Amino acid sequence: MKIDWTAFQQLIATHQVFVITSHVRPDADALGSEIGLAQVLQALGKTTRIINTSPTPPNLKFLDPTGEVKQLGASATNADILSADVQVIVDTSAWQQLSDVGKVYREGKVPRVVIDHHVSADDLQAIEFKDTTREATGALIYELAGVLGVTPNPAAAQALFAAMATDTGWFRFSATSSETYRVAGELIRCGANPATIYRELYEQGTLARVQLAGRILSRVKLEEGGKLAYTSVSQEDFLETGALPSDTEDLVNECLKIAGTQAAFIAIEQANRQVKVSFRSRNDVNVAAIAERFNGGGHRQAAGATLPGPLTQAIAQALTVMKEQLSAVQTV
C-alpha cells in the first residue's frame, strides 16, 4: 500500500511549527516515531514540539537524552499545543488513546495529520497517512524522510530502529519482510546501534520489575483446553513491589510461550481503577475487533482497550469475549 505524501509535503512547505503526539503509555514505536519525525522536520528548518499525555517510561528515556519529549501539565502547556501551525498524531488513530492531549487537539483550528499503521481508527478529522500492512509507524517515518530527501541523523536512526525492532518483536513477527531488514540496515548505517538499544530496553530492569513479573506469571491461567492464556496485575501489586506500570511491557507475550496457546490477554489495573487490557493472538483470532468492542483498537494480532473496573469484572468481560472469538474461529 503505497502512501502518497504530497499533502504532507505541502503542509511542510507552508507551515513552520509542528506539534507531535502519540498514545498514552507510549511504547518504543510511539516515542521513536515522534523523535524520528521531529528530527526529520528539524532538518528542514521546522520548529517541533513533542507533547504527550503520559511521561516517558524510564526504559525509553535513552532515546531522548536531551529531554525533547514533554508531558502536558508537567513540562508543557495547552498553549504550546494550540500555538502550533500543524498537529501531528503518530502510532494511533483513536481519540481515547490521546487522552488529555487529544482534548486540547480538538480545540485547535489548524491542519491535523495522522501517521499510523494500526487497523482500528476513529474519525480524527485529519489528513491520514496510513499503511496497515507495515510493521511499524517508525518504518513510515523512515519512508517519509526519504520522500523529503532527509537522511536520518544518528538520533533519528536510533529512535526509528528501536521503533521497528520492538514492533516486530526483534524481527520475528509475521509483518517482518525483506524491506524491514533493508530499512534496519540503512538505519544502522545512519548511526543506530542495535546492541545499545537492546541493552537499554531489556537489560536495565529493576528488582521491582522482576518481582512484579514473578507475580504476574505465577497467576497465569489457561482456558479453552489450553488455547487461551491470561493473567492480571493489580494496583496492590505495583505498591507492594515498587514496580511501575511500564514494567508490564511485553509480559503478555510470555503467555504465548506456553505450547498450544493461540491467544492471550493481560488485565492491568490503573491508578484510577480502570483496567487496561492487552490482547494478543497468533492465529485467526482478530484481537483488534475484540478491542474495538471496548472502544479500543490496534492490530489483528496485537491490540488493547481500557475497561471499567473493578479488575475482576474487567477480567470476566475480556474472558467472555475472547472465548467467543476462539469458539467462532474453531467452528469456521
C-alpha atoms as a PDB file:
ATOM      1  CA  MET A   1       0.000   0.000   0.000  1.00  0.00           C
ATOM      2  CA  LYS A   2       1.944   2.985  -1.300  1.00  0.00           C
ATOM      3  CA  ILE A   3       1.414   6.216   0.634  1.00  0.00           C
ATOM      4  CA  ASP A   4       1.076   9.472  -1.263  1.00  0.00           C
ATOM      5  CA  TRP A   5       2.896  12.001   0.930  1.00  0.00           C
ATOM      6  CA  THR A   6       2.124  15.003  -1.302  1.00  0.00           C
ATOM      7  CA  ALA A   7      -0.332  16.619   1.116  1.00  0.00           C
ATOM      8  CA  PHE A   8       2.165  16.400   3.972  1.00  0.00           C
ATOM      9  CA  GLN A   9       4.893  17.875   1.771  1.00  0.00           C
ATOM     10  CA  GLN A  10       2.587  20.804   1.073  1.00  0.00           C
ATOM     11  CA  LEU A  11       1.970  21.332   4.799  1.00  0.00           C
ATOM     12  CA  ILE A  12       5.691  21.324   5.421  1.00  0.00           C
ATOM     13  CA  ALA A  13       6.244  23.852   2.667  1.00  0.00           C
ATOM     14  CA  THR A  14       3.635  26.260   4.026  1.00  0.00           C
ATOM     15  CA  HIS A  15       3.862  25.867   7.837  1.00  0.00           C
ATOM     16  CA  GLN A  16       6.601  26.334  10.414  1.00  0.00           C
ATOM     17  CA  VAL A  17       5.601  24.963  13.848  1.00  0.00           C
ATOM     18  CA  PHE A  18       4.614  21.296  14.230  1.00  0.00           C
ATOM     19  CA  VAL A  19       3.345  19.733  17.451  1.00  0.00           C
ATOM     20  CA  ILE A  20       3.653  15.933  17.628  1.00  0.00           C
ATOM     21  CA  THR A  21       1.916  13.495  19.971  1.00  0.00           C
ATOM     22  CA  SER A  22       1.114   9.815  20.350  1.00  0.00           C
ATOM     23  CA  HIS A  23      -0.879   7.453  22.526  1.00  0.00           C
ATOM     24  CA  VAL A  24      -0.894   7.247  26.311  1.00  0.00           C
ATOM     25  CA  ARG A  25       1.752   4.995  27.871  1.00  0.00           C
ATOM     26  CA  PRO A  26       3.983   5.383  24.795  1.00  0.00           C
ATOM     27  CA  ASP A  27       5.975   2.388  23.636  1.00  0.00           C
ATOM     28  CA  ALA A  28       9.147   2.450  21.547  1.00  0.00           C
ATOM     29  CA  ASP A  29       7.263   2.741  18.252  1.00  0.00           C
ATOM     30  CA  ALA A  30       5.280   5.730  19.517  1.00  0.00           C
ATOM     31  CA  LEU A  31       8.233   7.520  21.069  1.00  0.00           C
ATOM     32  CA  GLY A  32      10.666   6.526  18.347  1.00  0.00           C
ATOM     33  CA  SER A  33       8.311   7.758  15.648  1.00  0.00           C
ATOM     34  CA  GLU A  34       7.814  11.076  17.446  1.00  0.00           C
ATOM     35  CA  ILE A  35      11.535  11.657  17.861  1.00  0.00           C
ATOM     36  CA  GLY A  36      12.366  10.460  14.371  1.00  0.00           C
ATOM     37  CA  LEU A  37       9.753  12.732  12.792  1.00  0.00           C
ATOM     38  CA  ALA A  38      10.852  15.702  14.884  1.00  0.00           C
ATOM     39  CA  GLN A  39      14.466  15.224  13.774  1.00  0.00           C
ATOM     40  CA  VAL A  40      13.417  14.996  10.122  1.00  0.00           C
ATOM     41  CA  LEU A  41      11.339  18.181  10.352  1.00  0.00           C
ATOM     42  CA  GLN A  42      14.117  19.991  12.187  1.00  0.00           C
ATOM     43  CA  ALA A  43      16.496  19.073   9.366  1.00  0.00           C
ATOM     44  CA  LEU A  44      14.154  21.021   7.102  1.00  0.00           C
ATOM     45  CA  GLY A  45      14.318  24.053   9.387  1.00  0.00           C
ATOM     46  CA  LYS A  46      10.978  23.477  11.104  1.00  0.00           C
ATOM     47  CA  THR A  47      10.160  24.044  14.778  1.00  0.00           C
ATOM     48  CA  THR A  48       8.844  20.953  16.554  1.00  0.00           C
ATOM     49  CA  ARG A  49       7.243  20.239  19.927  1.00  0.00           C
ATOM     50  CA  ILE A  50       6.689  16.686  21.135  1.00  0.00           C
ATOM     51  CA  ILE A  51       3.978  16.687  23.806  1.00  0.00           C
ATOM     52  CA  ASN A  52       2.444  13.548  25.304  1.00  0.00           C
ATOM     53  CA  THR A  53      -0.204  12.884  27.906  1.00  0.00           C
ATOM     54  CA  SER A  54       1.927  10.275  29.697  1.00  0.00           C
ATOM     55  CA  PRO A  55       5.501  10.610  30.931  1.00  0.00           C
ATOM     56  CA  THR A  56       8.246   8.828  29.027  1.00  0.00           C
ATOM     57  CA  PRO A  57       8.790   5.342  30.513  1.00  0.00           C
ATOM     58  CA  PRO A  58      12.177   5.027  32.260  1.00  0.00           C
ATOM     59  CA  ASN A  59      13.405   2.315  29.888  1.00  0.00           C
ATOM     60  CA  LEU A  60      12.818   4.592  26.869  1.00  0.00           C
ATOM     61  CA  LYS A  61      14.487   7.741  28.164  1.00  0.00           C
ATOM     62  CA  PHE A  62      17.732   6.781  26.414  1.00  0.00           C
ATOM     63  CA  LEU A  63      16.001   7.654  23.128  1.00  0.00           C
ATOM     64  CA  ASP A  64      15.508  11.222  24.341  1.00  0.00           C
ATOM     65  CA  PRO A  65      18.715  12.246  26.154  1.00  0.00           C
ATOM     66  CA  THR A  66      18.032  15.978  25.686  1.00  0.00           C
ATOM     67  CA  GLY A  67      14.501  15.851  27.119  1.00  0.00           C
ATOM     68  CA  GLU A  68      12.804  16.926  23.905  1.00  0.00           C
ATOM     69  CA  VAL A  69       9.649  14.960  24.749  1.00  0.00           C
ATOM     70  CA  LYS A  70       7.408  16.935  27.114  1.00  0.00           C
ATOM     71  CA  GLN A  71       4.421  15.930  29.219  1.00  0.00           C
ATOM     72  CA  LEU A  72       1.280  18.032  29.144  1.00  0.00           C
ATOM     73  CA  GLY A  73       0.690  19.650  32.519  1.00  0.00           C
ATOM     74  CA  ALA A  74       4.236  18.994  33.735  1.00  0.00           C
ATOM     75  CA  SER A  75       6.638  20.497  31.204  1.00  0.00           C
ATOM     76  CA  ALA A  76       4.207  21.658  28.517  1.00  0.00           C
ATOM     77  CA  THR A  77       1.011  23.702  28.460  1.00  0.00           C
ATOM     78  CA  ASN A  78      -2.146  23.840  26.369  1.00  0.00           C
ATOM     79  CA  ALA A  79      -0.758  26.970  24.753  1.00  0.00           C
ATOM     80  CA  ASP A  80       2.269  25.033  23.499  1.00  0.00           C
ATOM     81  CA  ILE A  81      -0.147  22.857  21.549  1.00  0.00           C
ATOM     82  CA  LEU A  82      -2.622  25.497  20.434  1.00  0.00           C
ATOM     83  CA  SER A  83       0.057  27.865  19.129  1.00  0.00           C
ATOM     84  CA  ALA A  84       1.386  25.284  16.645  1.00  0.00           C
ATOM     85  CA  ASP A  85       0.629  25.541  12.919  1.00  0.00           C
ATOM     86  CA  VAL A  86       0.089  21.803  12.378  1.00  0.00           C
ATOM     87  CA  GLN A  87      -0.971  18.982  14.718  1.00  0.00           C
ATOM     88  CA  VAL A  88       0.598  15.576  14.116  1.00  0.00           C
ATOM     89  CA  ILE A  89      -0.506  12.258  15.637  1.00  0.00           C
ATOM     90  CA  VAL A  90       1.693   9.173  15.249  1.00  0.00           C
ATOM     91  CA  ASP A  91       1.127   5.490  16.007  1.00  0.00           C
ATOM     92  CA  THR A  92      -2.569   5.750  16.856  1.00  0.00           C
ATOM     93  CA  SER A  93      -5.837   6.697  15.209  1.00  0.00           C
ATOM     94  CA  ALA A  94      -8.012   6.715  18.337  1.00  0.00           C
ATOM     95  CA  TRP A  95      -9.175   9.720  20.352  1.00  0.00           C
ATOM     96  CA  GLN A  96      -9.324   7.681  23.542  1.00  0.00           C
ATOM     97  CA  GLN A  97      -5.628   6.846  23.291  1.00  0.00           C
ATOM     98  CA  LEU A  98      -4.713  10.527  23.055  1.00  0.00           C
ATOM     99  CA  SER A  99      -6.430  11.332  26.366  1.00  0.00           C
ATOM    100  CA  ASP A 100      -5.638  14.858  27.658  1.00  0.00           C
ATOM    101  CA  VAL A 101      -3.573  15.929  24.657  1.00  0.00           C
ATOM    102  CA  GLY A 102      -6.406  14.803  22.414  1.00  0.00           C
ATOM    103  CA  LYS A 103      -8.813  17.106  24.240  1.00  0.00           C
ATOM    104  CA  VAL A 104      -6.532  20.063  23.524  1.00  0.00           C
ATOM    105  CA  TYR A 105      -6.035  18.982  19.913  1.00  0.00           C
ATOM    106  CA  ARG A 106      -9.816  19.110  19.440  1.00  0.00           C
ATOM    107  CA  GLU A 107      -9.761  22.792  20.408  1.00  0.00           C
ATOM    108  CA  GLY A 108      -7.299  23.626  17.661  1.00  0.00           C
ATOM    109  CA  LYS A 109      -8.320  25.008  14.285  1.00  0.00           C
ATOM    110  CA  VAL A 110      -5.160  24.046  12.396  1.00  0.00           C
ATOM    111  CA  PRO A 111      -4.461  21.186   9.964  1.00  0.00           C
ATOM    112  CA  ARG A 112      -4.184  17.774  11.618  1.00  0.00           C
ATOM    113  CA  VAL A 113      -2.149  14.824  10.366  1.00  0.00           C
ATOM    114  CA  VAL A 114      -2.168  11.132  11.309  1.00  0.00           C
ATOM    115  CA  ILE A 115       0.738   8.798  10.533  1.00  0.00           C
ATOM    116  CA  ASP A 116      -0.115   5.272  11.617  1.00  0.00           C
ATOM    117  CA  HIS A 117      -0.066   1.569  10.805  1.00  0.00           C
ATOM    118  CA  HIS A 118      -2.925   0.360  13.016  1.00  0.00           C
ATOM    119  CA  VAL A 119      -6.144  -1.066  11.614  1.00  0.00           C
ATOM    120  CA  SER A 120      -8.536   0.430  14.178  1.00  0.00           C
ATOM    121  CA  ALA A 121      -9.429   4.062  13.639  1.00  0.00           C
ATOM    122  CA  ASP A 122     -11.665   6.924  14.742  1.00  0.00           C
ATOM    123  CA  ASP A 123     -12.504   9.939  12.636  1.00  0.00           C
ATOM    124  CA  LEU A 124      -9.813  12.300  13.889  1.00  0.00           C
ATOM    125  CA  GLN A 125     -10.714  14.895  11.245  1.00  0.00           C
ATOM    126  CA  ALA A 126      -7.184  14.590   9.948  1.00  0.00           C
ATOM    127  CA  ILE A 127      -5.261  14.012   6.761  1.00  0.00           C
ATOM    128  CA  GLU A 128      -4.302  10.357   7.091  1.00  0.00           C
ATOM    129  CA  PHE A 129      -1.061   8.733   6.004  1.00  0.00           C
ATOM    130  CA  LYS A 130      -1.659   5.097   6.877  1.00  0.00           C
ATOM    131  CA  ASP A 131      -0.406   1.729   5.761  1.00  0.00           C
ATOM    132  CA  THR A 132      -1.821  -1.092   7.868  1.00  0.00           C
ATOM    133  CA  THR A 133       0.464  -3.624   6.186  1.00  0.00           C
ATOM    134  CA  ARG A 134       3.624  -2.002   7.548  1.00  0.00           C
ATOM    135  CA  GLU A 135       5.437  -3.407  10.536  1.00  0.00           C
ATOM    136  CA  ALA A 136       5.771  -0.162  12.496  1.00  0.00           C
ATOM    137  CA  THR A 137       4.955   3.521  12.345  1.00  0.00           C
ATOM    138  CA  GLY A 138       8.702   4.097  12.574  1.00  0.00           C
ATOM    139  CA  ALA A 139       9.031   2.474   9.144  1.00  0.00           C
ATOM    140  CA  LEU A 140       6.576   5.039   7.753  1.00  0.00           C
ATOM    141  CA  ILE A 141       8.610   7.885   9.238  1.00  0.00           C
ATOM    142  CA  TYR A 142      11.714   6.486   7.540  1.00  0.00           C
ATOM    143  CA  GLU A 143       9.781   6.348   4.264  1.00  0.00           C
ATOM    144  CA  LEU A 144       8.689   9.960   4.727  1.00  0.00           C
ATOM    145  CA  ALA A 145      12.282  11.024   5.392  1.00  0.00           C
ATOM    146  CA  GLY A 146      13.277   9.544   2.032  1.00  0.00           C
ATOM    147  CA  VAL A 147      10.463  11.356   0.248  1.00  0.00           C
ATOM    148  CA  LEU A 148      11.588  14.608   1.849  1.00  0.00           C
ATOM    149  CA  GLY A 149      15.209  13.994   0.913  1.00  0.00           C
ATOM    150  CA  VAL A 150      16.388  13.816   4.530  1.00  0.00           C
ATOM    151  CA  THR A 151      18.955  11.265   5.694  1.00  0.00           C
ATOM    152  CA  PRO A 152      18.197  10.385   9.336  1.00  0.00           C
ATOM    153  CA  ASN A 153      20.823  11.649  11.751  1.00  0.00           C
ATOM    154  CA  PRO A 154      22.108   9.256  14.460  1.00  0.00           C
ATOM    155  CA  ALA A 155      19.414  10.327  16.954  1.00  0.00           C
ATOM    156  CA  ALA A 156      16.629   9.729  14.434  1.00  0.00           C
ATOM    157  CA  ALA A 157      18.179   6.458  13.287  1.00  0.00           C
ATOM    158  CA  GLN A 158      18.417   5.185  16.858  1.00  0.00           C
ATOM    159  CA  ALA A 159      14.792   6.108  17.564  1.00  0.00           C
ATOM    160  CA  LEU A 160      13.418   4.626  14.346  1.00  0.00           C
ATOM    161  CA  PHE A 161      15.402   1.394  14.699  1.00  0.00           C
ATOM    162  CA  ALA A 162      14.016   0.978  18.233  1.00  0.00           C
ATOM    163  CA  ALA A 163      10.516   1.598  16.866  1.00  0.00           C
ATOM    164  CA  MET A 164      10.840  -1.078  14.207  1.00  0.00           C
ATOM    165  CA  ALA A 165      12.719  -3.628  16.317  1.00  0.00           C
ATOM    166  CA  THR A 166      10.202  -3.597  19.152  1.00  0.00           C
ATOM    167  CA  ASP A 167       7.074  -3.615  16.996  1.00  0.00           C
ATOM    168  CA  THR A 168       8.403  -6.638  15.090  1.00  0.00           C
ATOM    169  CA  GLY A 169       9.451  -8.495  18.242  1.00  0.00           C
ATOM    170  CA  TRP A 170      13.039  -8.019  17.138  1.00  0.00           C
ATOM    171  CA  PHE A 171      12.210  -9.022  13.580  1.00  0.00           C
ATOM    172  CA  ARG A 172      10.307 -12.232  14.318  1.00  0.00           C
ATOM    173  CA  PHE A 173       6.647 -11.214  13.843  1.00  0.00           C
ATOM    174  CA  SER A 174       4.782 -12.009  10.624  1.00  0.00           C
ATOM    175  CA  ALA A 175       4.816  -8.389   9.416  1.00  0.00           C
ATOM    176  CA  THR A 176       8.621  -8.559   9.106  1.00  0.00           C
ATOM    177  CA  SER A 177       9.713  -8.550   5.472  1.00  0.00           C
ATOM    178  CA  SER A 178      12.849  -8.201   3.401  1.00  0.00           C
ATOM    179  CA  GLU A 179      12.084  -4.475   3.285  1.00  0.00           C
ATOM    180  CA  THR A 180      12.115  -4.415   7.093  1.00  0.00           C
ATOM    181  CA  TYR A 181      15.659  -5.753   7.108  1.00  0.00           C
ATOM    182  CA  ARG A 182      16.718  -3.360   4.356  1.00  0.00           C
ATOM    183  CA  VAL A 183      15.463  -0.350   6.306  1.00  0.00           C
ATOM    184  CA  ALA A 184      17.018  -1.671   9.519  1.00  0.00           C
ATOM    185  CA  GLY A 185      20.345  -1.938   7.702  1.00  0.00           C
ATOM    186  CA  GLU A 186      20.049   1.624   6.436  1.00  0.00           C
ATOM    187  CA  LEU A 187      19.280   2.878   9.940  1.00  0.00           C
ATOM    188  CA  ILE A 188      22.389   1.123  11.259  1.00  0.00           C
ATOM    189  CA  ARG A 189      24.368   2.827   8.519  1.00  0.00           C
ATOM    190  CA  CYS A 190      22.893   6.149   9.682  1.00  0.00           C
ATOM    191  CA  GLY A 191      24.016   5.587  13.271  1.00  0.00           C
ATOM    192  CA  ALA A 192      21.612   3.198  15.014  1.00  0.00           C
ATOM    193  CA  ASN A 193      23.312   0.842  17.467  1.00  0.00           C
ATOM    194  CA  PRO A 194      21.239  -2.345  17.935  1.00  0.00           C
ATOM    195  CA  ALA A 195      23.368  -3.591  20.841  1.00  0.00           C
ATOM    196  CA  THR A 196      22.835  -0.385  22.786  1.00  0.00           C
ATOM    197  CA  ILE A 197      19.107  -0.338  22.012  1.00  0.00           C
ATOM    198  CA  TYR A 198      18.614  -3.923  23.154  1.00  0.00           C
ATOM    199  CA  ARG A 199      20.627  -3.373  26.318  1.00  0.00           C
ATOM    200  CA  GLU A 200      18.714  -0.239  27.255  1.00  0.00           C
ATOM    201  CA  LEU A 201      15.346  -1.828  26.546  1.00  0.00           C
ATOM    202  CA  TYR A 202      15.797  -5.247  28.093  1.00  0.00           C
ATOM    203  CA  GLU A 203      18.876  -5.343  30.287  1.00  0.00           C
ATOM    204  CA  GLN A 204      18.348  -2.340  32.557  1.00  0.00           C
ATOM    205  CA  GLY A 205      15.481  -3.733  34.614  1.00  0.00           C
ATOM    206  CA  THR A 206      14.955  -3.357  38.331  1.00  0.00           C
ATOM    207  CA  LEU A 207      14.457  -5.914  41.080  1.00  0.00           C
ATOM    208  CA  ALA A 208      10.931  -4.499  41.385  1.00  0.00           C
ATOM    209  CA  ARG A 209      10.185  -5.399  37.769  1.00  0.00           C
ATOM    210  CA  VAL A 210      11.494  -8.933  38.229  1.00  0.00           C
ATOM    211  CA  GLN A 211       9.346  -9.374  41.327  1.00  0.00           C
ATOM    212  CA  LEU A 212       6.287  -7.986  39.548  1.00  0.00           C
ATOM    213  CA  ALA A 213       6.892 -10.315  36.612  1.00  0.00           C
ATOM    214  CA  GLY A 214       7.065 -13.230  39.026  1.00  0.00           C
ATOM    215  CA  ARG A 215       3.665 -12.353  40.460  1.00  0.00           C
ATOM    216  CA  ILE A 216       2.094 -11.899  37.041  1.00  0.00           C
ATOM    217  CA  LEU A 217       3.444 -15.145  35.640  1.00  0.00           C
ATOM    218  CA  SER A 218       2.546 -17.114  38.774  1.00  0.00           C
ATOM    219  CA  ARG A 219      -1.148 -16.389  38.211  1.00  0.00           C
ATOM    220  CA  VAL A 220      -1.352 -17.280  34.511  1.00  0.00           C
ATOM    221  CA  LYS A 221      -4.454 -19.367  33.853  1.00  0.00           C
ATOM    222  CA  LEU A 222      -5.492 -21.442  30.860  1.00  0.00           C
ATOM    223  CA  GLU A 223      -8.938 -21.759  29.320  1.00  0.00           C
ATOM    224  CA  GLU A 224     -10.450 -23.360  26.237  1.00  0.00           C
ATOM    225  CA  GLY A 225      -8.355 -26.508  26.526  1.00  0.00           C
ATOM    226  CA  GLY A 226      -5.138 -24.518  26.813  1.00  0.00           C
ATOM    227  CA  LYS A 227      -5.773 -22.353  23.762  1.00  0.00           C
ATOM    228  CA  LEU A 228      -6.305 -19.176  25.826  1.00  0.00           C
ATOM    229  CA  ALA A 229      -3.928 -17.887  28.495  1.00  0.00           C
ATOM    230  CA  TYR A 230      -4.476 -14.838  30.660  1.00  0.00           C
ATOM    231  CA  THR A 231      -3.166 -13.068  33.729  1.00  0.00           C
ATOM    232  CA  SER A 232      -3.583  -9.827  35.624  1.00  0.00           C
ATOM    233  CA  VAL A 233      -1.874  -7.207  37.777  1.00  0.00           C
ATOM    234  CA  SER A 234      -3.492  -5.074  40.462  1.00  0.00           C
ATOM    235  CA  GLN A 235      -2.584  -1.723  41.947  1.00  0.00           C
ATOM    236  CA  GLU A 236      -1.603  -3.587  45.095  1.00  0.00           C
ATOM    237  CA  ASP A 237       0.991  -5.489  43.065  1.00  0.00           C
ATOM    238  CA  PHE A 238       2.579  -2.211  41.983  1.00  0.00           C
ATOM    239  CA  LEU A 239       2.525  -0.802  45.507  1.00  0.00           C
ATOM    240  CA  GLU A 240       3.924  -3.916  47.169  1.00  0.00           C
ATOM    241  CA  THR A 241       6.742  -4.469  44.664  1.00  0.00           C
ATOM    242  CA  GLY A 242       7.525  -0.834  43.906  1.00  0.00           C
ATOM    243  CA  ALA A 243       7.241  -1.576  40.185  1.00  0.00           C
ATOM    244  CA  LEU A 244       5.968   0.864  37.547  1.00  0.00           C
ATOM    245  CA  PRO A 245       3.128   0.422  35.041  1.00  0.00           C
ATOM    246  CA  SER A 246       5.743   0.404  32.262  1.00  0.00           C
ATOM    247  CA  ASP A 247       7.251  -2.710  33.890  1.00  0.00           C
ATOM    248  CA  THR A 248       4.360  -4.746  32.478  1.00  0.00           C
ATOM    249  CA  GLU A 249       5.531  -4.082  28.911  1.00  0.00           C
ATOM    250  CA  ASP A 250       5.650  -7.284  26.810  1.00  0.00           C
ATOM    251  CA  LEU A 251       4.707  -9.591  29.702  1.00  0.00           C
ATOM    252  CA  VAL A 252       1.515 -10.605  27.917  1.00  0.00           C
ATOM    253  CA  ASN A 253       3.718 -12.246  25.276  1.00  0.00           C
ATOM    254  CA  GLU A 254       5.025 -14.642  27.916  1.00  0.00           C
ATOM    255  CA  CYS A 255       1.584 -16.270  27.880  1.00  0.00           C
ATOM    256  CA  LEU A 256       2.043 -17.185  24.224  1.00  0.00           C
ATOM    257  CA  LYS A 257       5.204 -19.115  25.073  1.00  0.00           C
ATOM    258  CA  ILE A 258       3.020 -21.868  26.532  1.00  0.00           C
ATOM    259  CA  ALA A 259       2.698 -24.685  23.997  1.00  0.00           C
ATOM    260  CA  GLY A 260      -0.770 -24.850  22.491  1.00  0.00           C
ATOM    261  CA  THR A 261      -1.831 -21.296  23.276  1.00  0.00           C
ATOM    262  CA  GLN A 262      -3.456 -19.395  20.439  1.00  0.00           C
ATOM    263  CA  ALA A 263      -4.466 -16.193  22.216  1.00  0.00           C
ATOM    264  CA  ALA A 264      -3.741 -14.341  25.431  1.00  0.00           C
ATOM    265  CA  PHE A 265      -4.503 -11.209  27.400  1.00  0.00           C
ATOM    266  CA  ILE A 266      -3.260  -9.348  30.451  1.00  0.00           C
ATOM    267  CA  ALA A 267      -5.513  -7.101  32.548  1.00  0.00           C
ATOM    268  CA  ILE A 268      -3.687  -4.240  34.274  1.00  0.00           C
ATOM    269  CA  GLU A 269      -5.475  -2.211  36.919  1.00  0.00           C
ATOM    270  CA  GLN A 270      -4.748   1.508  36.599  1.00  0.00           C
ATOM    271  CA  ALA A 271      -4.409   4.068  39.397  1.00  0.00           C
ATOM    272  CA  ASN A 272      -7.950   5.300  38.641  1.00  0.00           C
ATOM    273  CA  ARG A 273      -9.163   1.663  38.949  1.00  0.00           C
ATOM    274  CA  GLN A 274      -9.936   1.386  35.266  1.00  0.00           C
ATOM    275  CA  VAL A 275      -8.363  -1.670  33.639  1.00  0.00           C
ATOM    276  CA  LYS A 276      -6.068  -1.670  30.609  1.00  0.00           C
ATOM    277  CA  VAL A 277      -6.313  -4.964  28.741  1.00  0.00           C
ATOM    278  CA  SER A 278      -3.705  -6.012  26.178  1.00  0.00           C
ATOM    279  CA  PHE A 279      -4.840  -8.723  23.755  1.00  0.00           C
ATOM    280  CA  ARG A 280      -2.580 -10.973  21.672  1.00  0.00           C
ATOM    281  CA  SER A 281      -3.129 -13.847  19.244  1.00  0.00           C
ATOM    282  CA  ARG A 282      -1.153 -15.946  16.842  1.00  0.00           C
ATOM    283  CA  ASN A 283      -3.917 -17.473  14.777  1.00  0.00           C
ATOM    284  CA  ASP A 284      -7.105 -16.272  13.100  1.00  0.00           C
ATOM    285  CA  VAL A 285      -8.453 -14.561  16.220  1.00  0.00           C
ATOM    286  CA  ASN A 286      -8.761 -10.864  15.333  1.00  0.00           C
ATOM    287  CA  VAL A 287      -7.973  -9.145  18.626  1.00  0.00           C
ATOM    288  CA  ALA A 288      -8.321  -5.696  17.047  1.00  0.00           C
ATOM    289  CA  ALA A 289     -12.015  -6.461  16.602  1.00  0.00           C
ATOM    290  CA  ILE A 290     -12.183  -7.616  20.222  1.00  0.00           C
ATOM    291  CA  ALA A 291     -10.551  -4.404  21.430  1.00  0.00           C
ATOM    292  CA  GLU A 292     -12.915  -2.314  19.336  1.00  0.00           C
ATOM    293  CA  ARG A 293     -15.854  -3.800  21.245  1.00  0.00           C
ATOM    294  CA  PHE A 294     -14.419  -1.997  24.274  1.00  0.00           C
ATOM    295  CA  ASN A 295     -13.648   1.226  22.324  1.00  0.00           C
ATOM    296  CA  GLY A 296     -10.024   0.229  21.894  1.00  0.00           C
ATOM    297  CA  GLY A 297      -8.115  -0.963  18.857  1.00  0.00           C
ATOM    298  CA  GLY A 298      -4.811  -1.993  17.367  1.00  0.00           C
ATOM    299  CA  HIS A 299      -3.574  -4.747  15.067  1.00  0.00           C
ATOM    300  CA  ARG A 300      -5.167  -8.028  14.122  1.00  0.00           C
ATOM    301  CA  GLN A 301      -2.813  -9.926  16.450  1.00  0.00           C
ATOM    302  CA  ALA A 302      -1.964  -7.220  18.998  1.00  0.00           C
ATOM    303  CA  ALA A 303      -4.468  -4.729  20.388  1.00  0.00           C
ATOM    304  CA  GLY A 304      -5.638  -3.090  23.577  1.00  0.00           C
ATOM    305  CA  ALA A 305      -8.549  -1.394  25.309  1.00  0.00           C
ATOM    306  CA  THR A 306      -9.442   0.232  28.611  1.00  0.00           C
ATOM    307  CA  LEU A 307     -12.363  -1.278  30.510  1.00  0.00           C
ATOM    308  CA  PRO A 308     -14.217  -0.016  33.583  1.00  0.00           C
ATOM    309  CA  GLY A 309     -13.229  -1.608  36.881  1.00  0.00           C
ATOM    310  CA  PRO A 310     -13.246  -3.415  39.132  1.00  0.00           C
ATOM    311  CA  LEU A 311     -10.424  -5.690  37.990  1.00  0.00           C
ATOM    312  CA  THR A 312     -12.373  -8.925  38.457  1.00  0.00           C
ATOM    313  CA  GLN A 313     -15.230  -7.616  36.330  1.00  0.00           C
ATOM    314  CA  ALA A 314     -12.902  -6.478  33.541  1.00  0.00           C
ATOM    315  CA  ILE A 315     -11.186  -9.874  33.505  1.00  0.00           C
ATOM    316  CA  ALA A 316     -14.554 -11.608  33.261  1.00  0.00           C
ATOM    317  CA  GLN A 317     -15.632  -9.392  30.346  1.00  0.00           C
ATOM    318  CA  ALA A 318     -12.385  -9.896  28.452  1.00  0.00           C
ATOM    319  CA  LEU A 319     -12.501 -13.630  29.099  1.00  0.00           C
ATOM    320  CA  THR A 320     -16.041 -13.929  27.768  1.00  0.00           C
ATOM    321  CA  VAL A 321     -15.271 -12.121  24.516  1.00  0.00           C
ATOM    322  CA  MET A 322     -12.012 -13.973  23.952  1.00  0.00           C
ATOM    323  CA  LYS A 323     -13.758 -17.320  24.455  1.00  0.00           C
ATOM    324  CA  GLU A 324     -16.454 -16.314  21.989  1.00  0.00           C
ATOM    325  CA  GLN A 325     -13.880 -15.405  19.352  1.00  0.00           C
ATOM    326  CA  LEU A 326     -11.863 -18.567  19.862  1.00  0.00           C
ATOM    327  CA  SER A 327     -15.013 -20.666  19.540  1.00  0.00           C
ATOM    328  CA  ALA A 328     -16.045 -18.807  16.392  1.00  0.00           C
ATOM    329  CA  VAL A 329     -12.660 -19.417  14.805  1.00  0.00           C
ATOM    330  CA  GLN A 330     -12.750 -23.127  15.665  1.00  0.00           C
ATOM    331  CA  THR A 331     -16.167 -23.565  14.023  1.00  0.00           C
ATOM    332  CA  VAL A 332     -15.322 -21.798  10.760  1.00  0.00           C
END
